[in-house]
Amino acid sequence: MILSAEAELLEVFTTKAGTVYQSDRQNCLFLEFADQQYKLSFRSFSDLKKIIDNMDLEHMCTHTLHADIEIFFLKEHCFILSGLQVIGLKELLQGAFVMFRLNHIIKDCLHRLAA
């Protein structure tokens, strides 16, 4: 199991589809999604978001000659996702990135108030 008590994880964002955790100790993110756990660097996490954002969901879900499955690799991880899973992962990743930006904005504001 990737997630352990020693990892000192902070929950970044959660949806019904999964959860994103941040580990400052290990300098990485953990993604729980589709009954799987993934340990990702911040760069890999950003790359995953780009891959998901670039998927053509309309084509994937409506084209009769196209299976409702997307398969792609990210570093050492293989993702096999249905159309609904892509939508769920997209929502989860977007929410996590909003939380990262919000945290950055709050720290900037607090730093300016202290100065």
C-alpha atoms as a PDB file:
ATOM      1  CA  MET A   1       0.000   0.000   0.000  1.00  0.00           C
ATOM      2  CA  ILE A   2       1.445   3.375  -1.011  1.00  0.00           C
ATOM      3  CA  LEU A   3      -0.479   5.439   1.520  1.00  0.00           C
ATOM      4  CA  SER A   4       0.821   4.960   5.025  1.00  0.00           C
ATOM      5  CA  ALA A   5       0.805   6.743   8.357  1.00  0.00           C
ATOM      6  CA  GLU A   6       4.484   7.668   7.969  1.00  0.00           C
ATOM      7  CA  ALA A   7       3.814   9.632   4.791  1.00  0.00           C
ATOM      8  CA  GLU A   8       2.164  12.536   6.685  1.00  0.00           C
ATOM      9  CA  LEU A   9      -0.340  13.215   3.950  1.00  0.00           C
ATOM     10  CA  LEU A  10      -2.401  16.354   3.572  1.00  0.00           C
ATOM     11  CA  GLU A  11      -5.676  16.033   1.705  1.00  0.00           C
ATOM     12  CA  VAL A  12      -5.697  18.452  -1.230  1.00  0.00           C
ATOM     13  CA  PHE A  13      -9.060  17.703  -2.837  1.00  0.00           C
ATOM     14  CA  THR A  14     -11.687  14.954  -2.781  1.00  0.00           C
ATOM     15  CA  THR A  15     -14.603  14.024  -5.021  1.00  0.00           C
ATOM     16  CA  LYS A  16     -16.720  10.901  -5.274  1.00  0.00           C
ATOM     17  CA  ALA A  17     -14.212   9.677  -7.863  1.00  0.00           C
ATOM     18  CA  GLY A  18     -11.130   9.901  -5.663  1.00  0.00           C
ATOM     19  CA  THR A  19      -8.725  11.932  -3.568  1.00  0.00           C
ATOM     20  CA  VAL A  20      -5.459  13.804  -4.073  1.00  0.00           C
ATOM     21  CA  TYR A  21      -3.007  13.933  -1.166  1.00  0.00           C
ATOM     22  CA  GLN A  22       0.205  15.928  -0.814  1.00  0.00           C
ATOM     23  CA  SER A  23       3.286  14.633   0.996  1.00  0.00           C
ATOM     24  CA  ASP A  24       5.810  17.338   1.840  1.00  0.00           C
ATOM     25  CA  ARG A  25       8.073  14.725   3.405  1.00  0.00           C
ATOM     26  CA  GLN A  26       8.262  12.697   0.179  1.00  0.00           C
ATOM     27  CA  ASN A  27       7.885  15.756  -2.072  1.00  0.00           C
ATOM     28  CA  CYS A  28       5.147  14.135  -4.141  1.00  0.00           C
ATOM     29  CA  LEU A  29       1.423  13.699  -4.577  1.00  0.00           C
ATOM     30  CA  PHE A  30      -0.683  10.600  -4.081  1.00  0.00           C
ATOM     31  CA  LEU A  31      -3.724  10.002  -6.233  1.00  0.00           C
ATOM     32  CA  GLU A  32      -6.433   7.574  -5.140  1.00  0.00           C
ATOM     33  CA  PHE A  33      -8.643   6.890  -8.123  1.00  0.00           C
ATOM     34  CA  ALA A  34     -10.619   3.945  -9.529  1.00  0.00           C
ATOM     35  CA  ASP A  35      -9.550   1.640  -6.668  1.00  0.00           C
ATOM     36  CA  GLN A  36      -5.890   2.348  -7.458  1.00  0.00           C
ATOM     37  CA  GLN A  37      -3.222   4.405  -5.752  1.00  0.00           C
ATOM     38  CA  TYR A  38      -0.572   6.337  -7.662  1.00  0.00           C
ATOM     39  CA  LYS A  39       2.496   8.118  -6.346  1.00  0.00           C
ATOM     40  CA  LEU A  40       3.292  11.023  -8.671  1.00  0.00           C
ATOM     41  CA  SER A  41       5.823  13.811  -8.769  1.00  0.00           C
ATOM     42  CA  PHE A  42       4.389  17.293  -9.169  1.00  0.00           C
ATOM     43  CA  ARG A  43       5.562  17.268 -12.801  1.00  0.00           C
ATOM     44  CA  SER A  44       3.887  13.908 -13.506  1.00  0.00           C
ATOM     45  CA  PHE A  45       0.711  15.176 -11.858  1.00  0.00           C
ATOM     46  CA  SER A  46       0.750  18.212 -14.137  1.00  0.00           C
ATOM     47  CA  ASP A  47       1.422  15.967 -17.154  1.00  0.00           C
ATOM     48  CA  LEU A  48      -1.555  13.800 -16.171  1.00  0.00           C
ATOM     49  CA  LYS A  49      -3.788  16.864 -16.087  1.00  0.00           C
ATOM     50  CA  LYS A  50      -2.605  17.888 -19.574  1.00  0.00           C
ATOM     51  CA  ILE A  51      -3.315  14.404 -20.947  1.00  0.00           C
ATOM     52  CA  ILE A  52      -6.812  14.330 -19.430  1.00  0.00           C
ATOM     53  CA  ASP A  53      -7.595  17.899 -20.541  1.00  0.00           C
ATOM     54  CA  ASN A  54      -6.625  17.034 -24.129  1.00  0.00           C
ATOM     55  CA  MET A  55      -8.876  13.971 -24.384  1.00  0.00           C
ATOM     56  CA  ASP A  56     -11.762  14.327 -26.819  1.00  0.00           C
ATOM     57  CA  LEU A  57     -14.632  13.187 -24.611  1.00  0.00           C
ATOM     58  CA  GLU A  58     -17.283  13.865 -27.227  1.00  0.00           C
ATOM     59  CA  HIS A  59     -15.548  11.602 -29.734  1.00  0.00           C
ATOM     60  CA  MET A  60     -14.796   9.022 -27.080  1.00  0.00           C
ATOM     61  CA  CYS A  61     -18.391   8.741 -25.887  1.00  0.00           C
ATOM     62  CA  THR A  62     -20.330   9.165 -29.125  1.00  0.00           C
ATOM     63  CA  HIS A  63     -18.289   7.643 -31.952  1.00  0.00           C
ATOM     64  CA  THR A  64     -19.690   4.193 -32.715  1.00  0.00           C
ATOM     65  CA  LEU A  65     -16.373   2.779 -33.965  1.00  0.00           C
ATOM     66  CA  HIS A  66     -14.481   3.959 -30.890  1.00  0.00           C
ATOM     67  CA  ALA A  67     -14.478   1.966 -27.669  1.00  0.00           C
ATOM     68  CA  ASP A  68     -15.453   3.860 -24.551  1.00  0.00           C
ATOM     69  CA  ILE A  69     -11.929   3.257 -23.213  1.00  0.00           C
ATOM     70  CA  GLU A  70      -8.757   5.329 -23.168  1.00  0.00           C
ATOM     71  CA  ILE A  71      -5.409   3.707 -22.471  1.00  0.00           C
ATOM     72  CA  PHE A  72      -2.311   5.779 -21.818  1.00  0.00           C
ATOM     73  CA  PHE A  73       0.966   5.598 -19.949  1.00  0.00           C
ATOM     74  CA  LEU A  74       2.417   8.143 -17.570  1.00  0.00           C
ATOM     75  CA  LYS A  75       5.935   7.279 -16.443  1.00  0.00           C
ATOM     76  CA  GLU A  76       5.601   3.864 -14.782  1.00  0.00           C
ATOM     77  CA  HIS A  77       1.788   3.998 -14.530  1.00  0.00           C
ATOM     78  CA  CYS A  78      -0.717   2.623 -17.037  1.00  0.00           C
ATOM     79  CA  PHE A  79      -4.195   4.139 -17.004  1.00  0.00           C
ATOM     80  CA  ILE A  80      -7.188   2.349 -18.551  1.00  0.00           C
ATOM     81  CA  LEU A  81     -10.199   4.620 -18.190  1.00  0.00           C
ATOM     82  CA  SER A  82     -13.808   4.632 -19.345  1.00  0.00           C
ATOM     83  CA  GLY A  83     -15.466   7.845 -20.486  1.00  0.00           C
ATOM     84  CA  LEU A  84     -17.110   8.320 -17.092  1.00  0.00           C
ATOM     85  CA  GLN A  85     -13.780   7.741 -15.340  1.00  0.00           C
ATOM     86  CA  VAL A  86     -12.124  10.351 -17.551  1.00  0.00           C
ATOM     87  CA  ILE A  87     -14.826  12.834 -16.531  1.00  0.00           C
ATOM     88  CA  GLY A  88     -14.347  11.947 -12.847  1.00  0.00           C
ATOM     89  CA  LEU A  89     -10.558  12.219 -13.052  1.00  0.00           C
ATOM     90  CA  LYS A  90     -10.813  15.520 -14.903  1.00  0.00           C
ATOM     91  CA  GLU A  91     -13.013  16.949 -12.131  1.00  0.00           C
ATOM     92  CA  LEU A  92     -10.623  15.665  -9.455  1.00  0.00           C
ATOM     93  CA  LEU A  93      -7.524  17.102 -11.148  1.00  0.00           C
ATOM     94  CA  GLN A  94      -9.158  20.474 -11.822  1.00  0.00           C
ATOM     95  CA  GLY A  95     -10.214  20.740  -8.187  1.00  0.00           C
ATOM     96  CA  ALA A  96      -6.734  19.863  -6.950  1.00  0.00           C
ATOM     97  CA  PHE A  97      -5.137  22.519  -9.152  1.00  0.00           C
ATOM     98  CA  VAL A  98      -7.640  25.115  -7.928  1.00  0.00           C
ATOM     99  CA  MET A  99      -6.650  24.248  -4.345  1.00  0.00           C
ATOM    100  CA  PHE A 100      -2.941  24.633  -5.229  1.00  0.00           C
ATOM    101  CA  ARG A 101      -3.579  28.062  -6.746  1.00  0.00           C
ATOM    102  CA  LEU A 102      -5.788  29.110  -3.837  1.00  0.00           C
ATOM    103  CA  ASN A 103      -3.109  28.076  -1.340  1.00  0.00           C
ATOM    104  CA  HIS A 104      -0.535  30.132  -3.268  1.00  0.00           C
ATOM    105  CA  ILE A 105      -2.818  33.204  -3.317  1.00  0.00           C
ATOM    106  CA  ILE A 106      -3.484  32.939   0.434  1.00  0.00           C
ATOM    107  CA  LYS A 107       0.240  32.641   1.225  1.00  0.00           C
ATOM    108  CA  ASP A 108       0.966  35.698  -0.948  1.00  0.00           C
ATOM    109  CA  CYS A 109      -1.714  37.719   0.842  1.00  0.00           C
ATOM    110  CA  LEU A 110      -0.471  36.702   4.286  1.00  0.00           C
ATOM    111  CA  HIS A 111       3.111  37.496   3.301  1.00  0.00           C
ATOM    112  CA  ARG A 112       2.073  40.972   2.119  1.00  0.00           C
ATOM    113  CA  LEU A 113       0.138  41.619   5.350  1.00  0.00           C
ATOM    114  CA  ALA A 114       3.152  40.599   7.450  1.00  0.00           C
ATOM    115  CA  ALA A 115       5.519  42.872   5.483  1.00  0.00           C
END
